[in-house]
Amino acid sequence: MKRQRYPKTLKEQLVREVQEVGNAVPVAKRHGINLKTLYRWIHESKHKAWDVAADDAKKIAPYVPSPQEFRQIEKENDQLKKILGEKDLEIAILRDLVKKARPGSPTGLR
């Protein structure tokens, strides 16, 4: 099977697309490129200082939520902690019931 060569512009474009999407798998599938090949291009772009990829990487700023979004995230986090606590309590109660049902077994189950 003959080895396929890709132009540098295509490599740069796909590396940029992976950076935007945040996941290489859908980009590789969409363009029909082996995932290992795409990962190699990403690695090369970081370590061999491709001009375009390096410039784009500097432009990407970290996401900072607004105060309203931050409050909403905190509220959701508190709700999830409450649900987790309830589930932990439920599991502890069920384990106690199993131990009482089968007192001879170390785990309560056979």
PDB file of N, CA and C in Angstrom:
ATOM      1  N   MET A   1       0.841  -1.177   0.000  1.00  0.00           N
ATOM      2  CA  MET A   1       0.000   0.000   0.000  1.00  0.00           C
ATOM      3  C   MET A   1       0.891   1.247   0.000  1.00  0.00           C
ATOM      4  N   LYS A   2       0.593   2.169  -0.860  1.00  0.00           N
ATOM      5  CA  LYS A   2       1.409   3.361  -1.007  1.00  0.00           C
ATOM      6  C   LYS A   2       1.122   4.349   0.126  1.00  0.00           C
ATOM      7  N   ARG A   3       2.175   4.940   0.640  1.00  0.00           N
ATOM      8  CA  ARG A   3       2.058   5.902   1.725  1.00  0.00           C
ATOM      9  C   ARG A   3       1.515   7.220   1.187  1.00  0.00           C
ATOM     10  N   GLN A   4       0.529   7.765   1.894  1.00  0.00           N
ATOM     11  CA  GLN A   4      -0.081   9.018   1.447  1.00  0.00           C
ATOM     12  C   GLN A   4       0.613  10.200   2.117  1.00  0.00           C
ATOM     13  N   ARG A   5       0.865  11.238   1.346  1.00  0.00           N
ATOM     14  CA  ARG A   5       1.474  12.458   1.881  1.00  0.00           C
ATOM     15  C   ARG A   5       0.413  13.556   1.936  1.00  0.00           C
ATOM     16  N   TYR A   6       0.455  14.310   3.029  1.00  0.00           N
ATOM     17  CA  TYR A   6      -0.505  15.390   3.212  1.00  0.00           C
ATOM     18  C   TYR A   6       0.238  16.717   3.182  1.00  0.00           C
ATOM     19  N   PRO A   7      -0.339  17.728   2.540  1.00  0.00           N
ATOM     20  CA  PRO A   7       0.323  19.043   2.516  1.00  0.00           C
ATOM     21  C   PRO A   7       0.340  19.671   3.911  1.00  0.00           C
ATOM     22  N   LYS A   8       1.334  20.490   4.159  1.00  0.00           N
ATOM     23  CA  LYS A   8       1.494  21.118   5.467  1.00  0.00           C
ATOM     24  C   LYS A   8       0.291  21.996   5.816  1.00  0.00           C
ATOM     25  N   THR A   9      -0.305  22.629   4.819  1.00  0.00           N
ATOM     26  CA  THR A   9      -1.470  23.483   5.093  1.00  0.00           C
ATOM     27  C   THR A   9      -2.626  22.660   5.648  1.00  0.00           C
ATOM     28  N   LEU A  10      -2.818  21.442   5.116  1.00  0.00           N
ATOM     29  CA  LEU A  10      -3.878  20.571   5.629  1.00  0.00           C
ATOM     30  C   LEU A  10      -3.571  20.156   7.061  1.00  0.00           C
ATOM     31  N   LYS A  11      -2.311  19.820   7.324  1.00  0.00           N
ATOM     32  CA  LYS A  11      -1.915  19.431   8.679  1.00  0.00           C
ATOM     33  C   LYS A  11      -2.198  20.568   9.663  1.00  0.00           C
ATOM     34  N   GLU A  12      -1.802  21.778   9.289  1.00  0.00           N
ATOM     35  CA  GLU A  12      -2.023  22.936  10.159  1.00  0.00           C
ATOM     36  C   GLU A  12      -3.507  23.179  10.386  1.00  0.00           C
ATOM     37  N   GLN A  13      -4.297  23.033   9.329  1.00  0.00           N
ATOM     38  CA  GLN A  13      -5.740  23.244   9.430  1.00  0.00           C
ATOM     39  C   GLN A  13      -6.360  22.222  10.385  1.00  0.00           C
ATOM     40  N   LEU A  14      -5.964  20.964  10.262  1.00  0.00           N
ATOM     41  CA  LEU A  14      -6.539  19.928  11.119  1.00  0.00           C
ATOM     42  C   LEU A  14      -6.094  20.091  12.571  1.00  0.00           C
ATOM     43  N   VAL A  15      -4.849  20.494  12.791  1.00  0.00           N
ATOM     44  CA  VAL A  15      -4.376  20.741  14.158  1.00  0.00           C
ATOM     45  C   VAL A  15      -5.174  21.886  14.776  1.00  0.00           C
ATOM     46  N   ARG A  16      -5.420  22.951  13.993  1.00  0.00           N
ATOM     47  CA  ARG A  16      -6.237  24.065  14.487  1.00  0.00           C
ATOM     48  C   ARG A  16      -7.647  23.596  14.833  1.00  0.00           C
ATOM     49  N   GLU A  17      -8.203  22.746  13.968  1.00  0.00           N
ATOM     50  CA  GLU A  17      -9.557  22.235  14.196  1.00  0.00           C
ATOM     51  C   GLU A  17      -9.616  21.406  15.478  1.00  0.00           C
ATOM     52  N   VAL A  18      -8.592  20.602  15.722  1.00  0.00           N
ATOM     53  CA  VAL A  18      -8.541  19.810  16.961  1.00  0.00           C
ATOM     54  C   VAL A  18      -8.477  20.741  18.165  1.00  0.00           C
ATOM     55  N   GLN A  19      -7.713  21.813  18.068  1.00  0.00           N
ATOM     56  CA  GLN A  19      -7.614  22.763  19.174  1.00  0.00           C
ATOM     57  C   GLN A  19      -8.958  23.433  19.438  1.00  0.00           C
ATOM     58  N   GLU A  20      -9.706  23.737  18.391  1.00  0.00           N
ATOM     59  CA  GLU A  20     -11.013  24.375  18.552  1.00  0.00           C
ATOM     60  C   GLU A  20     -12.025  23.404  19.145  1.00  0.00           C
ATOM     61  N   VAL A  21     -12.054  22.172  18.611  1.00  0.00           N
ATOM     62  CA  VAL A  21     -13.026  21.174  19.060  1.00  0.00           C
ATOM     63  C   VAL A  21     -12.647  20.643  20.435  1.00  0.00           C
ATOM     64  N   GLY A  22     -11.351  20.453  20.649  1.00  0.00           N
ATOM     65  CA  GLY A  22     -10.893  19.928  21.921  1.00  0.00           C
ATOM     66  C   GLY A  22     -10.806  18.412  21.945  1.00  0.00           C
ATOM     67  N   ASN A  23     -11.073  17.759  20.813  1.00  0.00           N
ATOM     68  CA  ASN A  23     -11.037  16.303  20.743  1.00  0.00           C
ATOM     69  C   ASN A  23     -10.596  15.901  19.343  1.00  0.00           C
ATOM     70  N   ALA A  24      -9.603  15.031  19.261  1.00  0.00           N
ATOM     71  CA  ALA A  24      -9.049  14.649  17.965  1.00  0.00           C
ATOM     72  C   ALA A  24      -9.865  13.574  17.263  1.00  0.00           C
ATOM     73  N   VAL A  25     -10.624  12.782  18.015  1.00  0.00           N
ATOM     74  CA  VAL A  25     -11.338  11.644  17.422  1.00  0.00           C
ATOM     75  C   VAL A  25     -12.339  12.077  16.350  1.00  0.00           C
ATOM     76  N   PRO A  26     -13.251  13.022  16.634  1.00  0.00           N
ATOM     77  CA  PRO A  26     -14.202  13.391  15.581  1.00  0.00           C
ATOM     78  C   PRO A  26     -13.536  14.050  14.370  1.00  0.00           C
ATOM     79  N   VAL A  27     -12.455  14.782  14.600  1.00  0.00           N
ATOM     80  CA  VAL A  27     -11.751  15.425  13.488  1.00  0.00           C
ATOM     81  C   VAL A  27     -11.126  14.362  12.593  1.00  0.00           C
ATOM     82  N   ALA A  28     -10.502  13.361  13.205  1.00  0.00           N
ATOM     83  CA  ALA A  28      -9.878  12.283  12.424  1.00  0.00           C
ATOM     84  C   ALA A  28     -10.924  11.511  11.633  1.00  0.00           C
ATOM     85  N   LYS A  29     -12.055  11.215  12.259  1.00  0.00           N
ATOM     86  CA  LYS A  29     -13.118  10.476  11.564  1.00  0.00           C
ATOM     87  C   LYS A  29     -13.692  11.298  10.417  1.00  0.00           C
ATOM     88  N   ARG A  30     -13.920  12.587  10.662  1.00  0.00           N
ATOM     89  CA  ARG A  30     -14.527  13.448   9.659  1.00  0.00           C
ATOM     90  C   ARG A  30     -13.658  13.546   8.405  1.00  0.00           C
ATOM     91  N   HIS A  31     -12.335  13.561   8.599  1.00  0.00           N
ATOM     92  CA  HIS A  31     -11.433  13.741   7.465  1.00  0.00           C
ATOM     93  C   HIS A  31     -10.818  12.433   6.975  1.00  0.00           C
ATOM     94  N   GLY A  32     -11.161  11.318   7.633  1.00  0.00           N
ATOM     95  CA  GLY A  32     -10.655  10.018   7.202  1.00  0.00           C
ATOM     96  C   GLY A  32      -9.157   9.859   7.387  1.00  0.00           C
ATOM     97  N   ILE A  33      -8.645  10.393   8.491  1.00  0.00           N
ATOM     98  CA  ILE A  33      -7.210  10.319   8.775  1.00  0.00           C
ATOM     99  C   ILE A  33      -7.009   9.459  10.013  1.00  0.00           C
ATOM    100  N   ASN A  34      -5.956   8.655   9.990  1.00  0.00           N
ATOM    101  CA  ASN A  34      -5.631   7.806  11.125  1.00  0.00           C
ATOM    102  C   ASN A  34      -5.410   8.682  12.360  1.00  0.00           C
ATOM    103  N   LEU A  35      -5.961   8.240  13.488  1.00  0.00           N
ATOM    104  CA  LEU A  35      -5.884   9.019  14.721  1.00  0.00           C
ATOM    105  C   LEU A  35      -4.431   9.198  15.174  1.00  0.00           C
ATOM    106  N   LYS A  36      -3.614   8.154  15.036  1.00  0.00           N
ATOM    107  CA  LYS A  36      -2.203   8.270  15.429  1.00  0.00           C
ATOM    108  C   LYS A  36      -1.479   9.318  14.582  1.00  0.00           C
ATOM    109  N   THR A  37      -1.824   9.378  13.312  1.00  0.00           N
ATOM    110  CA  THR A  37      -1.214  10.373  12.429  1.00  0.00           C
ATOM    111  C   THR A  37      -1.572  11.778  12.894  1.00  0.00           C
ATOM    112  N   LEU A  38      -2.835  11.980  13.229  1.00  0.00           N
ATOM    113  CA  LEU A  38      -3.279  13.292  13.695  1.00  0.00           C
ATOM    114  C   LEU A  38      -2.600  13.663  15.013  1.00  0.00           C
ATOM    115  N   TYR A  39      -2.489  12.691  15.932  1.00  0.00           N
ATOM    116  CA  TYR A  39      -1.793  12.958  17.196  1.00  0.00           C
ATOM    117  C   TYR A  39      -0.320  13.314  16.952  1.00  0.00           C
ATOM    118  N   ARG A  40       0.301  12.666  15.973  1.00  0.00           N
ATOM    119  CA  ARG A  40       1.697  12.973  15.642  1.00  0.00           C
ATOM    120  C   ARG A  40       1.809  14.408  15.139  1.00  0.00           C
ATOM    121  N   TRP A  41       0.863  14.830  14.309  1.00  0.00           N
ATOM    122  CA  TRP A  41       0.878  16.205  13.807  1.00  0.00           C
ATOM    123  C   TRP A  41       0.712  17.200  14.948  1.00  0.00           C
ATOM    124  N   ILE A  42      -0.172  16.882  15.881  1.00  0.00           N
ATOM    125  CA  ILE A  42      -0.379  17.771  17.035  1.00  0.00           C
ATOM    126  C   ILE A  42       0.914  17.875  17.834  1.00  0.00           C
ATOM    127  N   HIS A  43       1.544  16.736  18.078  1.00  0.00           N
ATOM    128  CA  HIS A  43       2.807  16.713  18.815  1.00  0.00           C
ATOM    129  C   HIS A  43       3.877  17.528  18.082  1.00  0.00           C
ATOM    130  N   GLU A  44       3.970  17.333  16.778  1.00  0.00           N
ATOM    131  CA  GLU A  44       4.952  18.080  15.985  1.00  0.00           C
ATOM    132  C   GLU A  44       4.672  19.577  16.027  1.00  0.00           C
ATOM    133  N   SER A  45       3.398  19.943  15.994  1.00  0.00           N
ATOM    134  CA  SER A  45       3.063  21.373  16.000  1.00  0.00           C
ATOM    135  C   SER A  45       3.487  22.031  17.306  1.00  0.00           C
ATOM    136  N   LYS A  46       3.442  21.268  18.400  1.00  0.00           N
ATOM    137  CA  LYS A  46       3.830  21.829  19.696  1.00  0.00           C
ATOM    138  C   LYS A  46       5.345  21.875  19.860  1.00  0.00           C
ATOM    139  N   HIS A  47       6.029  20.850  19.380  1.00  0.00           N
ATOM    140  CA  HIS A  47       7.456  20.728  19.651  1.00  0.00           C
ATOM    141  C   HIS A  47       8.364  21.230  18.535  1.00  0.00           C
ATOM    142  N   LYS A  48       7.838  21.330  17.338  1.00  0.00           N
ATOM    143  CA  LYS A  48       8.668  21.816  16.239  1.00  0.00           C
ATOM    144  C   LYS A  48       8.294  23.238  15.841  1.00  0.00           C
ATOM    145  N   ALA A  49       7.449  23.869  16.631  1.00  0.00           N
ATOM    146  CA  ALA A  49       7.085  25.282  16.464  1.00  0.00           C
ATOM    147  C   ALA A  49       6.582  25.607  15.068  1.00  0.00           C
ATOM    148  N   TRP A  50       5.495  24.960  14.676  1.00  0.00           N
ATOM    149  CA  TRP A  50       4.838  25.353  13.432  1.00  0.00           C
ATOM    150  C   TRP A  50       4.361  26.780  13.642  1.00  0.00           C
ATOM    151  N   ASP A  51       4.580  27.639  12.698  1.00  0.00           N
ATOM    152  CA  ASP A  51       4.260  29.056  12.856  1.00  0.00           C
ATOM    153  C   ASP A  51       2.785  29.291  13.137  1.00  0.00           C
ATOM    154  N   VAL A  52       1.911  28.747  12.318  1.00  0.00           N
ATOM    155  CA  VAL A  52       0.478  29.017  12.438  1.00  0.00           C
ATOM    156  C   VAL A  52      -0.072  28.439  13.730  1.00  0.00           C
ATOM    157  N   ALA A  53       0.272  27.200  14.034  1.00  0.00           N
ATOM    158  CA  ALA A  53      -0.267  26.551  15.228  1.00  0.00           C
ATOM    159  C   ALA A  53       0.212  27.252  16.491  1.00  0.00           C
ATOM    160  N   ALA A  54       1.452  27.694  16.513  1.00  0.00           N
ATOM    161  CA  ALA A  54       1.982  28.374  17.687  1.00  0.00           C
ATOM    162  C   ALA A  54       1.272  29.707  17.904  1.00  0.00           C
ATOM    163  N   ASP A  55       1.020  30.442  16.824  1.00  0.00           N
ATOM    164  CA  ASP A  55       0.318  31.717  16.951  1.00  0.00           C
ATOM    165  C   ASP A  55      -1.110  31.515  17.449  1.00  0.00           C
ATOM    166  N   ASP A  56      -1.799  30.509  16.916  1.00  0.00           N
ATOM    167  CA  ASP A  56      -3.169  30.245  17.345  1.00  0.00           C
ATOM    168  C   ASP A  56      -3.218  29.799  18.797  1.00  0.00           C
ATOM    169  N   ALA A  57      -2.239  29.032  19.226  1.00  0.00           N
ATOM    170  CA  ALA A  57      -2.225  28.555  20.603  1.00  0.00           C
ATOM    171  C   ALA A  57      -2.103  29.721  21.579  1.00  0.00           C
ATOM    172  N   LYS A  58      -1.382  30.764  21.190  1.00  0.00           N
ATOM    173  CA  LYS A  58      -1.233  31.926  22.058  1.00  0.00           C
ATOM    174  C   LYS A  58      -2.524  32.734  22.149  1.00  0.00           C
ATOM    175  N   LYS A  59      -3.348  32.682  21.112  1.00  0.00           N
ATOM    176  CA  LYS A  59      -4.580  33.466  21.078  1.00  0.00           C
ATOM    177  C   LYS A  59      -5.688  32.858  21.927  1.00  0.00           C
ATOM    178  N   ILE A  60      -5.618  31.558  22.188  1.00  0.00           N
ATOM    179  CA  ILE A  60      -6.682  30.886  22.928  1.00  0.00           C
ATOM    180  C   ILE A  60      -6.533  31.221  24.405  1.00  0.00           C
ATOM    181  N   ALA A  61      -7.528  31.903  24.953  1.00  0.00           N
ATOM    182  CA  ALA A  61      -7.506  32.297  26.355  1.00  0.00           C
ATOM    183  C   ALA A  61      -8.326  31.301  27.173  1.00  0.00           C
ATOM    184  N   PRO A  62      -7.997  31.125  28.438  1.00  0.00           N
ATOM    185  CA  PRO A  62      -8.792  30.224  29.268  1.00  0.00           C
ATOM    186  C   PRO A  62     -10.190  30.788  29.481  1.00  0.00           C
ATOM    187  N   TYR A  63     -11.152  29.886  29.653  1.00  0.00           N
ATOM    188  CA  TYR A  63     -12.542  30.294  29.851  1.00  0.00           C
ATOM    189  C   TYR A  63     -12.728  30.777  31.281  1.00  0.00           C
ATOM    190  N   VAL A  64     -13.298  31.956  31.439  1.00  0.00           N
ATOM    191  CA  VAL A  64     -13.607  32.510  32.754  1.00  0.00           C
ATOM    192  C   VAL A  64     -15.104  32.792  32.785  1.00  0.00           C
ATOM    193  N   PRO A  65     -15.846  32.089  33.655  1.00  0.00           N
ATOM    194  CA  PRO A  65     -17.290  32.302  33.692  1.00  0.00           C
ATOM    195  C   PRO A  65     -17.641  33.666  34.282  1.00  0.00           C
ATOM    196  N   SER A  66     -18.786  34.177  33.861  1.00  0.00           N
ATOM    197  CA  SER A  66     -19.275  35.440  34.416  1.00  0.00           C
ATOM    198  C   SER A  66     -19.748  35.180  35.847  1.00  0.00           C
ATOM    199  N   PRO A  67     -19.924  36.237  36.644  1.00  0.00           N
ATOM    200  CA  PRO A  67     -20.394  36.029  38.022  1.00  0.00           C
ATOM    201  C   PRO A  67     -21.721  35.268  38.089  1.00  0.00           C
ATOM    202  N   GLN A  68     -22.621  35.540  37.151  1.00  0.00           N
ATOM    203  CA  GLN A  68     -23.910  34.843  37.141  1.00  0.00           C
ATOM    204  C   GLN A  68     -23.702  33.353  36.837  1.00  0.00           C
ATOM    205  N   GLU A  69     -22.870  33.052  35.849  1.00  0.00           N
ATOM    206  CA  GLU A  69     -22.587  31.651  35.517  1.00  0.00           C
ATOM    207  C   GLU A  69     -21.898  30.955  36.688  1.00  0.00           C
ATOM    208  N   PHE A  70     -21.005  31.672  37.358  1.00  0.00           N
ATOM    209  CA  PHE A  70     -20.288  31.099  38.495  1.00  0.00           C
ATOM    210  C   PHE A  70     -21.254  30.738  39.619  1.00  0.00           C
ATOM    211  N   ARG A  71     -22.217  31.627  39.909  1.00  0.00           N
ATOM    212  CA  ARG A  71     -23.219  31.332  40.944  1.00  0.00           C
ATOM    213  C   ARG A  71     -24.052  30.116  40.560  1.00  0.00           C
ATOM    214  N   GLN A  72     -24.407  30.038  39.275  1.00  0.00           N
ATOM    215  CA  GLN A  72     -25.197  28.903  38.800  1.00  0.00           C
ATOM    216  C   GLN A  72     -24.400  27.599  38.945  1.00  0.00           C
ATOM    217  N   ILE A  73     -23.124  27.639  38.625  1.00  0.00           N
ATOM    218  CA  ILE A  73     -22.275  26.452  38.753  1.00  0.00           C
ATOM    219  C   ILE A  73     -22.145  26.055  40.223  1.00  0.00           C
ATOM    220  N   GLU A  74     -21.973  27.046  41.105  1.00  0.00           N
ATOM    221  CA  GLU A  74     -21.893  26.748  42.539  1.00  0.00           C
ATOM    222  C   GLU A  74     -23.185  26.119  43.043  1.00  0.00           C
ATOM    223  N   LYS A  75     -24.328  26.640  42.595  1.00  0.00           N
ATOM    224  CA  LYS A  75     -25.623  26.100  43.006  1.00  0.00           C
ATOM    225  C   LYS A  75     -25.756  24.649  42.548  1.00  0.00           C
ATOM    226  N   GLU A  76     -25.393  24.382  41.297  1.00  0.00           N
ATOM    227  CA  GLU A  76     -25.463  23.018  40.772  1.00  0.00           C
ATOM    228  C   GLU A  76     -24.519  22.093  41.544  1.00  0.00           C
ATOM    229  N   ASN A  77     -23.342  22.594  41.874  1.00  0.00           N
ATOM    230  CA  ASN A  77     -22.373  21.812  42.636  1.00  0.00           C
ATOM    231  C   ASN A  77     -22.935  21.455  44.015  1.00  0.00           C
ATOM    232  N   ASP A  78     -23.571  22.413  44.686  1.00  0.00           N
ATOM    233  CA  ASP A  78     -24.177  22.151  45.991  1.00  0.00           C
ATOM    234  C   ASP A  78     -25.282  21.103  45.889  1.00  0.00           C
ATOM    235  N   GLN A  79     -26.104  21.193  44.838  1.00  0.00           N
ATOM    236  CA  GLN A  79     -27.169  20.206  44.639  1.00  0.00           C
ATOM    237  C   GLN A  79     -26.584  18.812  44.434  1.00  0.00           C
ATOM    238  N   LEU A  80     -25.524  18.727  43.657  1.00  0.00           N
ATOM    239  CA  LEU A  80     -24.901  17.429  43.397  1.00  0.00           C
ATOM    240  C   LEU A  80     -24.266  16.851  44.663  1.00  0.00           C
ATOM    241  N   LYS A  81     -23.671  17.711  45.489  1.00  0.00           N
ATOM    242  CA  LYS A  81     -23.111  17.245  46.760  1.00  0.00           C
ATOM    243  C   LYS A  81     -24.209  16.698  47.666  1.00  0.00           C
ATOM    244  N   LYS A  82     -25.361  17.369  47.684  1.00  0.00           N
ATOM    245  CA  LYS A  82     -26.485  16.920  48.503  1.00  0.00           C
ATOM    246  C   LYS A  82     -26.975  15.556  48.019  1.00  0.00           C
ATOM    247  N   ILE A  83     -27.120  15.394  46.715  1.00  0.00           N
ATOM    248  CA  ILE A  83     -27.567  14.117  46.145  1.00  0.00           C
ATOM    249  C   ILE A  83     -26.567  13.016  46.474  1.00  0.00           C
ATOM    250  N   LEU A  84     -25.280  13.317  46.368  1.00  0.00           N
ATOM    251  CA  LEU A  84     -24.248  12.329  46.670  1.00  0.00           C
ATOM    252  C   LEU A  84     -24.318  11.906  48.136  1.00  0.00           C
ATOM    253  N   GLY A  85     -24.524  12.864  49.026  1.00  0.00           N
ATOM    254  CA  GLY A  85     -24.654  12.542  50.445  1.00  0.00           C
ATOM    255  C   GLY A  85     -25.849  11.644  50.712  1.00  0.00           C
ATOM    256  N   GLU A  86     -26.974  11.933  50.051  1.00  0.00           N
ATOM    257  CA  GLU A  86     -28.168  11.105  50.221  1.00  0.00           C
ATOM    258  C   GLU A  86     -27.920   9.689  49.721  1.00  0.00           C
ATOM    259  N   LYS A  87     -27.236   9.555  48.602  1.00  0.00           N
ATOM    260  CA  LYS A  87     -26.936   8.223  48.046  1.00  0.00           C
ATOM    261  C   LYS A  87     -25.990   7.452  48.964  1.00  0.00           C
ATOM    262  N   ASP A  88     -24.994   8.139  49.537  1.00  0.00           N
ATOM    263  CA  ASP A  88     -24.081   7.477  50.470  1.00  0.00           C
ATOM    264  C   ASP A  88     -24.833   6.969  51.693  1.00  0.00           C
ATOM    265  N   LEU A  89     -25.758   7.779  52.200  1.00  0.00           N
ATOM    266  CA  LEU A  89     -26.567   7.370  53.346  1.00  0.00           C
ATOM    267  C   LEU A  89     -27.441   6.172  52.989  1.00  0.00           C
ATOM    268  N   GLU A  90     -28.038   6.203  51.818  1.00  0.00           N
ATOM    269  CA  GLU A  90     -28.880   5.103  51.351  1.00  0.00           C
ATOM    270  C   GLU A  90     -28.072   3.805  51.249  1.00  0.00           C
ATOM    271  N   ILE A  91     -26.867   3.886  50.736  1.00  0.00           N
ATOM    272  CA  ILE A  91     -26.008   2.702  50.613  1.00  0.00           C
ATOM    273  C   ILE A  91     -25.656   2.157  51.993  1.00  0.00           C
ATOM    274  N   ALA A  92     -25.342   3.037  52.934  1.00  0.00           N
ATOM    275  CA  ALA A  92     -25.002   2.598  54.289  1.00  0.00           C
ATOM    276  C   ALA A  92     -26.185   1.891  54.939  1.00  0.00           C
ATOM    277  N   ILE A  93     -27.383   2.425  54.758  1.00  0.00           N
ATOM    278  CA  ILE A  93     -28.585   1.801  55.327  1.00  0.00           C
ATOM    279  C   ILE A  93     -28.812   0.430  54.708  1.00  0.00           C
ATOM    280  N   LEU A  94     -28.672   0.323  53.408  1.00  0.00           N
ATOM    281  CA  LEU A  94     -28.868  -0.964  52.736  1.00  0.00           C
ATOM    282  C   LEU A  94     -27.818  -1.985  53.169  1.00  0.00           C
ATOM    283  N   ARG A  95     -26.587  -1.571  53.372  1.00  0.00           N
ATOM    284  CA  ARG A  95     -25.550  -2.498  53.855  1.00  0.00           C
ATOM    285  C   ARG A  95     -25.886  -3.006  55.250  1.00  0.00           C
ATOM    286  N   ASP A  96     -26.379  -2.118  56.112  1.00  0.00           N
ATOM    287  CA  ASP A  96     -26.778  -2.548  57.454  1.00  0.00           C
ATOM    288  C   ASP A  96     -27.909  -3.561  57.386  1.00  0.00           C
ATOM    289  N   LEU A  97     -28.875  -3.336  56.500  1.00  0.00           N
ATOM    290  CA  LEU A  97     -29.987  -4.275  56.353  1.00  0.00           C
ATOM    291  C   LEU A  97     -29.504  -5.635  55.869  1.00  0.00           C
ATOM    292  N   VAL A  98     -28.556  -5.646  54.955  1.00  0.00           N
ATOM    293  CA  VAL A  98     -28.020  -6.909  54.445  1.00  0.00           C
ATOM    294  C   VAL A  98     -27.276  -7.644  55.548  1.00  0.00           C
ATOM    295  N   LYS A  99     -26.504  -6.927  56.365  1.00  0.00           N
ATOM    296  CA  LYS A  99     -25.780  -7.560  57.475  1.00  0.00           C
ATOM    297  C   LYS A  99     -26.749  -8.172  58.480  1.00  0.00           C
ATOM    298  N   LYS A 100     -27.852  -7.502  58.743  1.00  0.00           N
ATOM    299  CA  LYS A 100     -28.843  -8.021  59.690  1.00  0.00           C
ATOM    300  C   LYS A 100     -29.561  -9.235  59.117  1.00  0.00           C
ATOM    301  N   ALA A 101     -29.749  -9.255  57.803  1.00  0.00           N
ATOM    302  CA  ALA A 101     -30.446 -10.369  57.167  1.00  0.00           C
ATOM    303  C   ALA A 101     -29.578 -11.620  57.161  1.00  0.00           C
ATOM    304  N   ARG A 102     -28.263 -11.491  57.033  1.00  0.00           N
ATOM    305  CA  ARG A 102     -27.331 -12.629  57.001  1.00  0.00           C
ATOM    306  C   ARG A 102     -26.169 -12.339  57.964  1.00  0.00           C
ATOM    307  N   PRO A 103     -26.380 -12.538  59.244  1.00  0.00           N
ATOM    308  CA  PRO A 103     -25.351 -12.168  60.213  1.00  0.00           C
ATOM    309  C   PRO A 103     -24.075 -13.017  60.143  1.00  0.00           C
ATOM    310  N   GLY A 104     -24.113 -14.257  59.634  1.00  0.00           N
ATOM    311  CA  GLY A 104     -22.935 -15.118  59.591  1.00  0.00           C
ATOM    312  C   GLY A 104     -21.957 -14.767  58.492  1.00  0.00           C
ATOM    313  N   SER A 105     -22.396 -14.091  57.472  1.00  0.00           N
ATOM    314  CA  SER A 105     -21.554 -13.777  56.323  1.00  0.00           C
ATOM    315  C   SER A 105     -20.780 -12.479  56.572  1.00  0.00           C
ATOM    316  N   PRO A 106     -19.471 -12.441  56.212  1.00  0.00           N
ATOM    317  CA  PRO A 106     -18.693 -11.216  56.458  1.00  0.00           C
ATOM    318  C   PRO A 106     -19.212 -10.001  55.690  1.00  0.00           C
ATOM    319  N   THR A 107     -19.688 -10.228  54.474  1.00  0.00           N
ATOM    320  CA  THR A 107     -20.220  -9.103  53.707  1.00  0.00           C
ATOM    321  C   THR A 107     -21.736  -9.069  53.770  1.00  0.00           C
ATOM    322  N   GLY A 108     -22.311 -10.150  54.266  1.00  0.00           N
ATOM    323  CA  GLY A 108     -23.762 -10.209  54.315  1.00  0.00           C
ATOM    324  C   GLY A 108     -24.358 -10.811  53.064  1.00  0.00           C
ATOM    325  N   LEU A 109     -23.521 -11.140  52.098  1.00  0.00           N
ATOM    326  CA  LEU A 109     -24.003 -11.698  50.837  1.00  0.00           C
ATOM    327  C   LEU A 109     -23.376 -13.063  50.603  1.00  0.00           C
ATOM    328  N   ARG A 110     -24.086 -13.924  49.892  1.00  0.00           N
ATOM    329  CA  ARG A 110     -23.535 -15.235  49.516  1.00  0.00           C
ATOM    330  C   ARG A 110     -23.808 -15.506  48.089  1.00  0.00           C
TER     331      ARG A 110
END
